[in-house]
């Protein structure tokens, strides 16, 4: 039986009940030191951050694309690699969404995640027909030494622990090894964020344990009854008074009326909920845990991020999380799939695997903002055709709307050359002042745009205009959206100025 078939039959389809797998070790990786089924110490802040990453990671589907001679991308829906990425296991045991969820989880726990390729026929050259996840707690890269005592290569094989006392060698070409960066101590592996969070997890857990112990073991009474005037009562009288108060005010009798037979003082004693507020003890560990894993606290639902949470800043945090955390992870893992899995199917450089980011909600422009932007671009024949606007919103072009739909900015009547300077209702000086104001504003916009490019490398905000007509200001603003250099700005204003005095 081939090596891969041995793995497939003996260890690939294990369940949490399998005795051969060291699940306590896996629990330790996920939940921190001391975790296990007997004394489980799950850190809720770490778990929340891992859930945020792993839940968002599978959102864009993996698609196989081909670039045509014109540079356009075409989705190869019938390609064998696409079939594998859609159905990674033969009988639907795992979906690709579940596999990607686990991949993100394992990478952020251990720094490494492994996909095992199962081939048909030859164990080294056969077609890849299945993909299975292998926990980093039971697989690791191994390097053999050469005759000179130095490493023979970077990774000779992957050591797979079938049982604690039995390992098998898995060829490098049968493993897709995802890393979270590179560990400087061992560059064959990725960085494990949880290893940097041991102190923070311990502090957060200790805060929970402190509150738990305080509530359970801090044996103080809720009320203290003190005889007035320094009178001393017997132990029997004290017990009878205690039983009387318990009967009157415990359980459903809470809030009842008490009439004491002798002069006494009743004092409330103990901690109020406000006194037991330990949020400060959690705040610092939560902030550091969220920062190390790379999840905004508000996205993970942690208290450190919910104090000032609103819909607007949650949306911004979600977009920041997607652009700053997830997109780099998608890009890195796509590169690994193209380097380690795609060659098993094709050597065509124009075929590649990527994520379909059009399916990521956080990256999609708000529809109201999109329509407002396009309406401004199309209004009064500014700089975009109606068909171009329809295409951007997903609608088919209208054949009757030809390219003539777009036109250069309309010249304001006040600036048209040869226009009669003496129109009714206006004097020459007023028209000249208005023309000068418009020209000065365009010159100001020109200088302002050059400063924006010099400072930011692009136009970061809108220029507020009060003298230019919508057609002209819309054309300038639309053209400047693509400006990335001073030369781009000069070209925009050179073209805009054509036909104007």
Protein backbone atom coordinates (compact mmCIF):
# COMPACT_ATOMS: atom_id res chain seq x y z
CA UNK A 1 0.00 0.00 0.00
CA UNK A 2 1.35 3.47 -0.91
CA UNK A 3 2.37 5.97 1.73
CA UNK A 4 -0.49 8.33 0.93
CA UNK A 5 -3.03 5.52 1.07
CA UNK A 6 -1.64 4.48 4.43
CA UNK A 7 -2.15 8.00 5.70
CA UNK A 8 -5.60 8.22 4.19
CA UNK A 9 -6.79 4.96 5.71
CA UNK A 10 -5.09 5.20 9.09
CA UNK A 11 -5.15 8.82 10.13
CA UNK A 12 -6.81 11.22 7.74
CA UNK A 13 -10.39 10.69 8.81
CA UNK A 14 -9.92 10.80 12.55
CA UNK A 15 -12.54 12.29 14.85
CA UNK A 16 -12.18 14.03 18.21
CA UNK A 17 -12.81 10.66 19.85
CA UNK A 18 -9.79 9.03 18.21
CA UNK A 19 -7.48 7.81 20.94
CA UNK A 20 -4.39 8.02 18.75
CA UNK A 21 -4.49 11.81 18.47
CA UNK A 22 -3.05 13.91 21.27
CA UNK A 23 -6.03 16.20 21.62
CA UNK A 24 -4.75 17.71 24.87
CA UNK A 25 -1.79 19.03 22.91
CA UNK A 26 -4.14 20.52 20.33
CA UNK A 27 -6.21 22.10 23.09
CA UNK A 28 -3.03 23.61 24.51
CA UNK A 29 -2.23 25.16 21.14
CA UNK A 30 -5.68 26.66 20.81
CA UNK A 31 -6.45 27.75 24.35
CA UNK A 32 -3.05 28.28 25.95
CA UNK A 33 -0.92 26.50 28.56
CA UNK A 34 -2.77 24.28 30.97
CA UNK A 35 -5.66 23.59 28.63
CA UNK A 36 -7.19 20.17 28.38
CA UNK A 37 -10.38 18.27 28.94
CA UNK A 38 -9.78 17.80 32.65
CA UNK A 39 -8.79 21.39 33.43
CA UNK A 40 -9.84 23.41 30.43
CA UNK A 41 -8.78 27.07 30.59
CA UNK A 42 -10.25 28.60 27.46
CA UNK A 43 -9.30 32.24 27.04
CA UNK A 44 -12.38 33.96 25.69
CA UNK A 45 -10.53 37.00 24.30
CA UNK A 46 -8.18 34.82 22.23
CA UNK A 47 -11.08 32.66 21.10
CA UNK A 48 -13.08 35.73 20.01
CA UNK A 49 -10.18 37.09 17.96
CA UNK A 50 -9.52 33.72 16.33
CA UNK A 51 -13.20 33.38 15.48
CA UNK A 52 -13.21 36.85 13.88
CA UNK A 53 -10.25 35.97 11.64
CA UNK A 54 -11.34 32.43 10.78
CA UNK A 55 -14.96 33.41 10.08
CA UNK A 56 -14.02 36.25 7.70
CA UNK A 57 -11.16 34.41 5.96
CA UNK A 58 -13.30 32.05 3.74
CA UNK A 59 -15.56 34.88 2.45
CA UNK A 60 -13.93 35.32 -1.00
CA UNK A 61 -14.03 32.02 -2.94
CA UNK A 62 -10.91 30.60 -4.58
CA UNK A 63 -11.24 30.79 -8.37
CA UNK A 64 -9.03 29.59 -11.22
CA UNK A 65 -8.40 32.36 -13.72
CA UNK A 66 -6.67 32.66 -17.09
CA UNK A 67 -5.31 35.86 -18.58
CA UNK A 68 -6.10 36.20 -22.29
CA UNK A 69 -3.83 37.98 -24.84
CA UNK A 70 -5.66 41.26 -24.20
CA UNK A 71 -4.85 41.09 -20.50
CA UNK A 72 -8.42 40.28 -19.43
CA UNK A 73 -9.15 37.62 -16.80
CA UNK A 74 -11.43 34.68 -17.58
CA UNK A 75 -12.81 32.34 -14.93
CA UNK A 76 -12.07 28.70 -15.86
CA UNK A 77 -15.12 27.15 -14.24
CA UNK A 78 -14.52 23.69 -15.76
CA UNK A 79 -10.81 23.45 -14.91
CA UNK A 80 -9.84 20.34 -12.83
CA UNK A 81 -8.13 22.56 -10.23
CA UNK A 82 -11.35 24.51 -9.80
CA UNK A 83 -13.19 21.24 -9.19
CA UNK A 84 -10.71 20.33 -6.46
CA UNK A 85 -10.96 23.75 -4.83
CA UNK A 86 -14.74 23.49 -4.87
CA UNK A 87 -14.86 19.89 -3.58
CA UNK A 88 -11.60 19.18 -1.68
CA UNK A 89 -12.75 15.85 -0.21
CA UNK A 90 -14.37 13.01 -2.18
CA UNK A 91 -17.61 12.55 -0.26
CA UNK A 92 -18.16 16.07 1.01
CA UNK A 93 -16.60 15.39 4.41
CA UNK A 94 -15.14 18.91 4.32
CA UNK A 95 -16.17 21.92 2.27
CA UNK A 96 -13.62 24.44 1.08
CA UNK A 97 -15.16 27.02 3.44
CA UNK A 98 -14.50 24.71 6.38
CA UNK A 99 -10.98 23.99 5.16
CA UNK A 100 -10.21 27.70 4.81
CA UNK A 101 -11.70 28.42 8.25
CA UNK A 102 -9.38 25.83 9.78
CA UNK A 103 -6.39 27.10 7.76
CA UNK A 104 -6.74 30.62 9.15
CA UNK A 105 -7.25 29.25 12.67
CA UNK A 106 -4.21 26.98 12.59
CA UNK A 107 -1.97 29.69 11.13
CA UNK A 108 -2.85 32.14 13.88
CA UNK A 109 -2.49 29.54 16.62
CA UNK A 110 0.68 27.77 15.56
CA UNK A 111 1.97 29.89 12.67
CA UNK A 112 1.60 26.90 10.32
CA UNK A 113 -1.18 25.03 8.52
CA UNK A 114 -0.77 21.96 6.32
CA UNK A 115 -2.84 20.60 3.44
CA UNK A 116 -2.06 17.01 2.54
CA UNK A 117 -2.47 16.06 -1.12
CA UNK A 118 -3.94 12.64 -1.80
CA UNK A 119 -3.07 11.34 -5.27
CA UNK A 120 -4.61 8.66 -7.43
CA UNK A 121 -2.29 5.92 -8.66
CA UNK A 122 1.34 6.85 -8.08
CA UNK A 123 1.90 8.41 -4.63
CA UNK A 124 4.33 10.99 -6.02
CA UNK A 125 3.20 11.69 -9.58
CA UNK A 126 -0.50 10.76 -9.62
CA UNK A 127 -3.25 13.30 -10.05
CA UNK A 128 -4.21 15.19 -6.89
CA UNK A 129 -7.78 14.16 -6.15
CA UNK A 130 -8.23 15.10 -2.47
CA UNK A 131 -7.03 17.69 0.02
CA UNK A 132 -7.04 17.08 3.79
CA UNK A 133 -6.01 19.34 6.67
CA UNK A 134 -3.24 18.11 8.97
CA UNK A 135 -2.89 19.74 12.37
CA UNK A 136 0.43 21.48 13.05
CA UNK A 137 0.48 19.62 16.36
CA UNK A 138 1.13 16.34 14.49
CA UNK A 139 3.16 17.54 11.48
CA UNK A 140 6.41 19.45 11.17
CA UNK A 141 9.14 20.02 8.56
CA UNK A 142 12.28 17.88 8.89
CA UNK A 143 15.74 18.37 7.40
CA UNK A 144 18.36 15.67 6.96
CA UNK A 145 22.07 16.29 7.29
CA UNK A 146 24.51 15.62 4.49
CA UNK A 147 27.86 13.85 4.69
CA UNK A 148 29.52 17.07 5.86
CA UNK A 149 27.14 17.39 8.79
CA UNK A 150 25.34 20.36 7.28
CA UNK A 151 21.69 20.37 6.15
CA UNK A 152 21.31 18.54 2.86
CA UNK A 153 18.46 20.82 1.81
CA UNK A 154 15.98 23.24 3.33
CA UNK A 155 13.16 20.76 3.98
CA UNK A 156 13.84 17.08 3.25
CA UNK A 157 10.35 15.84 4.15
CA UNK A 158 7.50 16.43 6.58
CA UNK A 159 7.36 14.33 9.72
CA UNK A 160 3.81 13.17 10.41
CA UNK A 161 3.11 11.82 13.92
CA UNK A 162 0.55 9.07 13.36
CA UNK A 163 0.77 8.20 17.06
CA UNK A 164 2.99 9.68 19.78
CA UNK A 165 5.49 6.88 19.13
CA UNK A 166 5.08 6.42 15.36
CA UNK A 167 5.92 8.83 12.54
CA UNK A 168 5.94 8.63 8.76
CA UNK A 169 7.72 10.71 6.14
CA UNK A 170 5.55 12.73 3.81
CA UNK A 171 7.26 14.01 0.61
CA UNK A 172 7.51 17.78 0.31
CA UNK A 173 5.56 17.77 -2.97
CA UNK A 174 2.57 16.20 -1.21
CA UNK A 175 2.20 19.04 1.31
CA UNK A 176 0.95 22.59 0.91
CA UNK A 177 2.57 24.42 3.82
CA UNK A 178 0.94 27.74 4.76
CA UNK A 179 2.98 30.00 7.04
CA UNK A 180 2.17 33.16 8.95
CA UNK A 181 5.33 35.05 8.05
CA UNK A 182 8.66 33.42 8.88
CA UNK A 183 10.01 32.52 12.30
CA UNK A 184 13.56 33.89 12.56
CA UNK A 185 14.52 31.03 14.89
CA UNK A 186 13.41 28.42 12.34
CA UNK A 187 12.62 29.81 8.91
CA UNK A 188 11.02 26.56 7.86
CA UNK A 189 8.07 27.57 10.04
CA UNK A 190 5.78 30.54 10.52
CA UNK A 191 5.28 32.82 13.49
CA UNK A 192 2.84 31.74 16.21
CA UNK A 193 0.96 34.75 17.68
CA UNK A 194 -0.21 32.78 20.72
CA UNK A 195 3.38 32.21 21.81
CA UNK A 196 3.67 35.97 22.23
CA UNK A 197 0.44 36.13 24.25
CA UNK A 198 1.18 33.75 27.12
CA UNK A 199 1.50 36.57 29.65
CA UNK A 200 -1.63 38.39 28.43
CA UNK A 201 -3.69 35.18 28.41
CA UNK A 202 -2.50 34.37 31.92
CA UNK A 203 -3.37 37.88 33.16
CA UNK A 204 -6.84 37.71 31.62
CA UNK A 205 -7.46 34.24 33.05
CA UNK A 206 -6.23 35.32 36.49
CA UNK A 207 -8.70 38.22 36.46
CA UNK A 208 -11.56 35.77 35.80
CA UNK A 209 -10.33 33.39 38.48
CA UNK A 210 -9.99 36.22 40.99
CA UNK A 211 -13.61 37.31 40.49
CA UNK A 212 -14.79 33.70 40.64
CA UNK A 213 -12.91 33.03 43.87
CA UNK A 214 -14.14 36.30 45.36
CA UNK A 215 -17.76 35.42 44.69
CA UNK A 216 -17.37 31.84 45.93
CA UNK A 217 -15.07 32.14 48.91
CA UNK A 218 -15.26 35.65 50.30
CA UNK A 219 -17.65 34.61 53.08
CA UNK A 220 -19.23 37.85 54.29
CA UNK A 221 -22.85 38.37 55.36
CA UNK A 222 -25.23 40.57 53.44
CA UNK A 223 -26.61 42.27 56.59
CA UNK A 224 -25.15 42.89 60.05
CA UNK A 225 -27.54 43.48 62.99
CA UNK A 226 -25.98 45.29 65.98
CA UNK A 227 -27.87 45.77 69.26
CA UNK A 228 -28.15 49.47 70.07
CA UNK A 229 -26.80 51.08 73.22
CA UNK A 230 -24.00 48.59 73.70
CA UNK A 231 -26.42 45.85 74.82
CA UNK A 232 -25.10 42.31 74.59
CA UNK A 233 -27.46 39.51 73.55
CA UNK A 234 -26.99 35.81 74.10
CA UNK A 235 -25.94 33.42 71.36
CA UNK A 236 -29.38 31.84 71.39
CA UNK A 237 -31.10 35.21 70.89
CA UNK A 238 -28.67 35.96 68.04
CA UNK A 239 -29.51 32.65 66.33
CA UNK A 240 -33.26 33.23 66.71
CA UNK A 241 -32.93 36.75 65.26
CA UNK A 242 -30.90 35.39 62.38
CA UNK A 243 -33.51 32.71 61.57
CA UNK A 244 -36.30 35.28 61.82
CA UNK A 245 -34.61 37.62 59.34
CA UNK A 246 -33.80 34.75 56.97
CA UNK A 247 -37.43 33.58 56.97
CA UNK A 248 -38.77 37.09 56.37
CA UNK A 249 -36.37 38.23 53.68
CA UNK A 250 -35.03 35.18 51.84
CA UNK A 251 -36.31 33.85 48.51
CA UNK A 252 -39.83 35.16 47.62
CA UNK A 253 -40.08 37.20 50.83
CA UNK A 254 -37.53 39.73 49.68
CA UNK A 255 -38.68 43.30 50.31
CA UNK A 256 -40.90 42.28 53.27
CA UNK A 257 -41.46 44.52 56.30
CA UNK A 258 -39.35 44.02 59.44
CA UNK A 259 -40.34 45.18 62.98
CA UNK A 260 -37.64 44.59 65.58
CA UNK A 261 -38.68 43.85 69.18
CA UNK A 262 -35.73 45.75 70.62
CA UNK A 263 -33.62 48.69 69.58
CA UNK A 264 -31.14 47.54 66.96
CA UNK A 265 -29.03 48.87 64.11
CA UNK A 266 -29.06 47.08 60.71
CA UNK A 267 -26.07 47.61 58.38
CA UNK A 268 -25.67 46.39 54.82
CA UNK A 269 -22.35 44.65 54.32
CA UNK A 270 -20.64 43.21 51.25
CA UNK A 271 -19.81 44.18 47.65
CA UNK A 272 -22.10 45.92 45.19
CA UNK A 273 -21.91 45.05 41.48
CA UNK A 274 -20.06 48.34 40.96
CA UNK A 275 -17.47 47.29 43.53
CA UNK A 276 -16.97 44.03 41.63
CA UNK A 277 -16.37 45.76 38.27
CA UNK A 278 -13.06 44.28 37.09
CA UNK A 279 -13.22 45.62 33.54
CA UNK A 280 -9.90 47.43 33.97
CA UNK A 281 -8.18 44.12 34.71
CA UNK A 282 -9.43 42.76 31.38
CA UNK A 283 -8.86 45.86 29.27
CA UNK A 284 -5.07 45.75 28.85
CA UNK A 285 -4.85 42.00 28.08
CA UNK A 286 -7.75 42.29 25.62
CA UNK A 287 -6.14 45.20 23.78
CA UNK A 288 -2.81 43.38 23.47
CA UNK A 289 -4.40 40.10 22.44
CA UNK A 290 -6.40 41.87 19.71
CA UNK A 291 -3.31 43.78 18.54
CA UNK A 292 -1.07 40.70 18.32
CA UNK A 293 -3.63 38.60 16.44
CA UNK A 294 -4.41 41.60 14.22
CA UNK A 295 -8.12 42.02 14.89
CA UNK A 296 -9.64 45.37 15.97
CA UNK A 297 -11.19 44.85 19.40
CA UNK A 298 -14.53 46.18 18.17
CA UNK A 299 -14.63 43.56 15.38
CA UNK A 300 -13.93 40.74 17.86
CA UNK A 301 -16.65 42.07 20.17
CA UNK A 302 -14.24 42.67 23.04
CA UNK A 303 -15.06 45.16 25.78
CA UNK A 304 -11.94 47.14 24.91
CA UNK A 305 -13.57 48.07 21.61
CA UNK A 306 -17.26 48.27 22.49
CA UNK A 307 -17.15 51.31 24.81
CA UNK A 308 -17.20 53.72 21.88
CA UNK A 309 -18.75 51.37 19.33
CA UNK A 310 -21.20 52.75 16.80
CA UNK A 311 -22.39 51.42 13.46
CA UNK A 312 -20.19 53.92 11.62
CA UNK A 313 -16.92 53.15 13.38
CA UNK A 314 -17.66 49.41 13.36
CA UNK A 315 -18.03 49.61 9.58
CA UNK A 316 -14.75 51.53 9.32
CA UNK A 317 -13.02 49.04 11.63
CA UNK A 318 -14.33 46.15 9.55
CA UNK A 319 -12.98 47.75 6.37
CA UNK A 320 -9.63 48.42 8.07
CA UNK A 321 -9.51 44.80 9.30
CA UNK A 322 -10.24 43.51 5.78
CA UNK A 323 -7.75 45.75 4.01
CA UNK A 324 -4.96 45.64 6.60
CA UNK A 325 -5.24 42.05 7.84
CA UNK A 326 -7.20 39.78 5.52
CA UNK A 327 -6.06 40.98 2.10
CA UNK A 328 -2.34 40.40 2.91
CA UNK A 329 -3.25 36.94 4.23
CA UNK A 330 -5.26 36.13 1.09
CA UNK A 331 -2.44 37.34 -1.13
CA UNK A 332 0.19 35.28 0.72
CA UNK A 333 -1.90 32.11 0.73
CA UNK A 334 -2.87 32.51 -2.93
CA UNK A 335 0.84 32.69 -3.77
CA UNK A 336 1.42 29.47 -1.82
CA UNK A 337 -1.40 27.67 -3.66
CA UNK A 338 -0.01 28.83 -7.00
CA UNK A 339 3.47 27.66 -6.01
CA UNK A 340 2.59 24.33 -4.34
CA UNK A 341 -0.73 23.13 -5.78
CA UNK A 342 -1.22 24.68 -9.22
CA UNK A 343 1.87 22.93 -10.77
CA UNK A 344 0.13 19.59 -10.17
CA UNK A 345 -2.47 20.67 -12.74
CA UNK A 346 -0.80 23.01 -15.23
CA UNK A 347 2.45 24.80 -15.99
CA UNK A 348 0.71 27.55 -17.99
CA UNK A 349 1.89 30.87 -16.46
CA UNK A 350 -1.32 32.57 -17.59
CA UNK A 351 -3.43 30.28 -15.36
CA UNK A 352 -3.49 31.11 -11.68
CA UNK A 353 -5.59 30.92 -8.51
CA UNK A 354 -6.90 34.03 -6.79
CA UNK A 355 -9.66 35.13 -4.42
CA UNK A 356 -12.75 36.71 -5.89
CA UNK A 357 -12.71 39.92 -3.85
CA UNK A 358 -15.97 41.01 -5.47
CA UNK A 359 -17.64 38.70 -2.93
CA UNK A 360 -16.18 40.56 0.07
CA UNK A 361 -18.88 42.81 1.47
CA UNK A 362 -16.51 45.09 3.39
CA UNK A 363 -14.72 46.00 0.16
CA UNK A 364 -17.85 46.92 -1.74
CA UNK A 365 -18.72 50.57 -2.08
CA UNK A 366 -21.93 51.60 -0.39
CA UNK A 367 -24.62 51.64 -3.08
CA UNK A 368 -25.91 55.09 -2.18
CA UNK A 369 -22.38 56.52 -2.37
CA UNK A 370 -21.75 54.77 -5.66
CA UNK A 371 -24.89 56.11 -7.34
CA UNK A 372 -24.23 59.58 -5.99
CA UNK A 373 -20.68 59.50 -7.35
CA UNK A 374 -21.76 58.21 -10.77
CA UNK A 375 -24.59 60.71 -11.00
CA UNK A 376 -22.11 63.50 -10.37
CA UNK A 377 -19.78 62.08 -13.01
CA UNK A 378 -22.52 61.80 -15.63
CA UNK A 379 -24.45 64.99 -14.85
CA UNK A 380 -24.34 67.65 -17.53
CA UNK A 381 -22.03 65.55 -19.72
CA UNK A 382 -19.17 65.92 -17.26
CA UNK A 383 -16.63 63.14 -17.88
CA UNK A 384 -18.33 59.71 -17.83
CA UNK A 385 -20.84 58.22 -20.26
CA UNK A 386 -24.12 56.85 -19.02
CA UNK A 387 -23.18 53.43 -20.41
CA UNK A 388 -19.92 53.48 -18.44
CA UNK A 389 -21.90 54.28 -15.31
CA UNK A 390 -24.35 51.46 -16.05
CA UNK A 391 -21.49 49.01 -16.56
CA UNK A 392 -19.91 49.93 -13.21
CA UNK A 393 -23.19 49.24 -11.41
CA UNK A 394 -23.63 45.87 -13.12
CA UNK A 395 -26.19 46.83 -15.75
CA UNK A 396 -25.86 46.17 -19.47
CA UNK A 397 -25.10 49.14 -21.75
CA UNK A 398 -27.94 50.70 -23.76
CA UNK A 399 -27.21 50.52 -27.49
CA UNK A 400 -28.95 53.80 -28.21
CA UNK A 401 -26.54 55.63 -25.92
CA UNK A 402 -23.51 56.07 -28.10
CA UNK A 403 -20.07 57.30 -27.23
CA UNK A 404 -21.23 60.76 -28.27
CA UNK A 405 -22.93 60.76 -24.90
CA UNK A 406 -19.66 62.04 -23.47
CA UNK A 407 -18.52 65.55 -24.27
CA UNK A 408 -15.89 67.95 -23.02
CA UNK A 409 -16.96 70.31 -20.26
CA UNK A 410 -19.38 72.85 -21.53
CA UNK A 411 -17.85 76.32 -21.72
CA UNK A 412 -19.73 78.67 -19.44
CA UNK A 413 -21.45 81.42 -21.46
CA UNK A 414 -19.47 84.06 -19.58
CA UNK A 415 -16.23 82.59 -20.95
CA UNK A 416 -17.22 81.86 -24.52
CA UNK A 417 -14.97 83.77 -26.89
CA UNK A 418 -16.69 86.29 -29.10
CA UNK A 419 -19.70 86.59 -26.80
CA UNK A 420 -21.32 90.02 -26.65
CA UNK A 421 -19.94 91.73 -23.57
CA UNK A 422 -23.01 93.90 -23.10
CA UNK A 423 -25.89 91.57 -22.24
CA UNK A 424 -29.01 93.03 -20.65
CA UNK A 425 -29.01 93.00 -16.88
CA UNK A 426 -25.26 92.88 -16.50
CA UNK A 427 -22.55 95.45 -16.74
CA UNK A 428 -19.13 94.80 -18.16
CA UNK A 429 -17.32 95.20 -14.84
CA UNK A 430 -19.53 92.61 -13.12
CA UNK A 431 -18.91 90.03 -15.86
CA UNK A 432 -15.19 90.66 -15.79
CA UNK A 433 -15.07 90.20 -12.01
CA UNK A 434 -16.99 86.92 -12.29
CA UNK A 435 -14.68 85.67 -15.05
CA UNK A 436 -11.64 86.60 -12.98
CA UNK A 437 -13.03 84.77 -9.93
CA UNK A 438 -13.56 81.61 -11.96
CA UNK A 439 -10.09 81.78 -13.47
CA UNK A 440 -8.48 82.43 -10.08
CA UNK A 441 -10.33 79.49 -8.56
CA UNK A 442 -9.06 77.17 -11.29
CA UNK A 443 -5.51 78.40 -10.72
CA UNK A 444 -5.94 77.83 -6.96
CA UNK A 445 -7.26 74.32 -7.61
CA UNK A 446 -4.26 73.67 -9.87
CA UNK A 447 -1.75 74.68 -7.15
CA UNK A 448 -3.72 72.84 -4.43
CA UNK A 449 -3.67 69.62 -6.49
CA UNK A 450 0.10 69.78 -6.92
CA UNK A 451 0.53 70.13 -3.15
CA UNK A 452 -1.78 67.15 -2.54
CA UNK A 453 0.26 65.00 -4.94
CA UNK A 454 3.52 66.09 -3.31
CA UNK A 455 2.25 65.30 0.19
CA UNK A 456 0.12 62.18 -0.32
CA UNK A 457 0.94 60.90 -3.81
CA UNK A 458 -2.72 61.32 -4.78
CA UNK A 459 -5.67 63.70 -4.29
CA UNK A 460 -6.82 62.82 -0.77
CA UNK A 461 -9.87 65.09 -0.45
CA UNK A 462 -12.28 67.16 -2.51
CA UNK A 463 -11.60 70.75 -3.49
CA UNK A 464 -14.50 73.00 -2.56
CA UNK A 465 -15.49 75.28 -5.41
CA UNK A 466 -17.98 78.12 -5.35
CA UNK A 467 -17.50 79.82 -8.73
CA UNK A 468 -17.16 77.00 -11.28
CA UNK A 469 -20.20 75.37 -12.96
CA UNK A 470 -20.95 71.73 -12.18
CA UNK A 471 -19.93 70.50 -15.64
CA UNK A 472 -16.45 72.01 -15.32
CA UNK A 473 -15.84 71.12 -11.66
CA UNK A 474 -17.11 67.59 -12.28
CA UNK A 475 -14.70 67.13 -15.19
CA UNK A 476 -11.72 68.36 -13.17
CA UNK A 477 -12.58 66.26 -10.10
CA UNK A 478 -13.15 63.13 -12.17
CA UNK A 479 -9.90 63.49 -14.08
CA UNK A 480 -7.91 64.16 -10.91
CA UNK A 481 -9.07 60.90 -9.31
CA UNK A 482 -6.49 59.05 -11.42
CA UNK A 483 -3.67 61.58 -10.91
CA UNK A 484 -0.60 60.13 -9.19
CA UNK A 485 2.11 62.61 -10.18
CA UNK A 486 2.66 66.29 -10.89
CA UNK A 487 2.74 65.48 -14.62
CA UNK A 488 -0.72 63.93 -14.34
CA UNK A 489 -2.03 67.11 -12.71
CA UNK A 490 -0.45 69.27 -15.41
CA UNK A 491 -2.08 67.17 -18.14
CA UNK A 492 -5.50 67.45 -16.48
CA UNK A 493 -5.40 71.21 -16.25
CA UNK A 494 -3.79 71.59 -19.67
CA UNK A 495 -6.74 69.75 -21.23
CA UNK A 496 -9.32 71.52 -19.07
CA UNK A 497 -7.97 74.92 -20.05
CA UNK A 498 -8.28 74.22 -23.77
CA UNK A 499 -10.90 76.53 -25.19
CA UNK A 500 -10.91 78.83 -22.18
CA UNK A 501 -9.32 82.28 -22.01
